[in-house]
Amino acid sequence: MNKVFGCVLLFTAVACFATESLHPIATPATIFGVQGTVELDDDIYSGDMEVSAEYAVHPRLSLYVDGAFRFLSYSYEYSTEGYIHNYCNLHVNGFNETYIGAKGMILPYLGLNLGWQFPPGEGSQKNRFHRLNIEPFSLLQISKNLTVGTAIRYNTFLEDKKYKPGDEIGFKASLVWKPGWNDSLNTGWELSETFLYQARIEESENRNLDKPYRGMKDTYRGMKMKFEAMRYFKIVSIPIGFGLNYEIHEGTLYGFETGHRIGIKAKIQ
């Protein structure tokens, strides 16, 4: 099974691109998930298929990737302020950003997550820069079936065409509760909540201009919250989960544009 997940992970890293997904903070594991998502973001309706894969090369180290393809992106505007105006636009669709990385446990309850974002394809007009994410995290086992995680993140971007986005810092927290979980079969309910607060701490720069005019006045702060409910069953000796999740995000410019996302998910672990 691990070899299969390893092959899937390598293939997905090459072939899939995605918007960044919120995942609960957790120890390295081998998982594979597929999700259909409907999103409303800045008055644009979109439909995506997302793929998430993580492969534990060691109990303390894993590699991961998030991938998605945007099949549909649609907006409609209507105004009657002195005139009748209708506007409909079917946006360019395709691959979004690629997120790959590695996660390792330094101590039993302390770890480090390193991630890399590649610029998106035609499915997104946001975050069009290479980005390095450094995220130390901690895990606290409150009870047998309740885990709380916290993390501090730092994002820095590569310069492109003499444009350099400002660095970002953030705080992430998650709660995973497994009421009535069967450890021997890995089946039962899994409920999770994940929160991310992020801020740009310096202005981006347009280095094509003279130094006094380079600042882009784009500092921001924003947040994301995601709620997910999964139910795992034993199917052909493999724990397979099915569930729903809802995400809300808000902010400005390079932050989290105000929006909502609903997903239907299937996951193997």
Foldseek 3Di string as FASTA:
>chain_A
DLVVLVVVFVVCLPPFFDDDDDDADDAADWKKKWKWKWKQFPQKIWIKIKIKTWHAPDSFKIKIKIGMWIPWIKHWDFDDPVHTDIDIDTAFTTHAKIKIWMKGAPDPFKIKTWIWIAATDRHDPAPRFIKIKIKIKGWDPPDPFKIKMKIKMKMATDDDQQKGAAIKIKIKMKMWGFPPADPVLRWGKIKMKMKMKMWRPAFIFRRVDPPVPGGPPDTKIKMKMKIKMWGWDQDPSWTKIWIKMKMFIPMDDNGGGGMIMIMTMMMTD
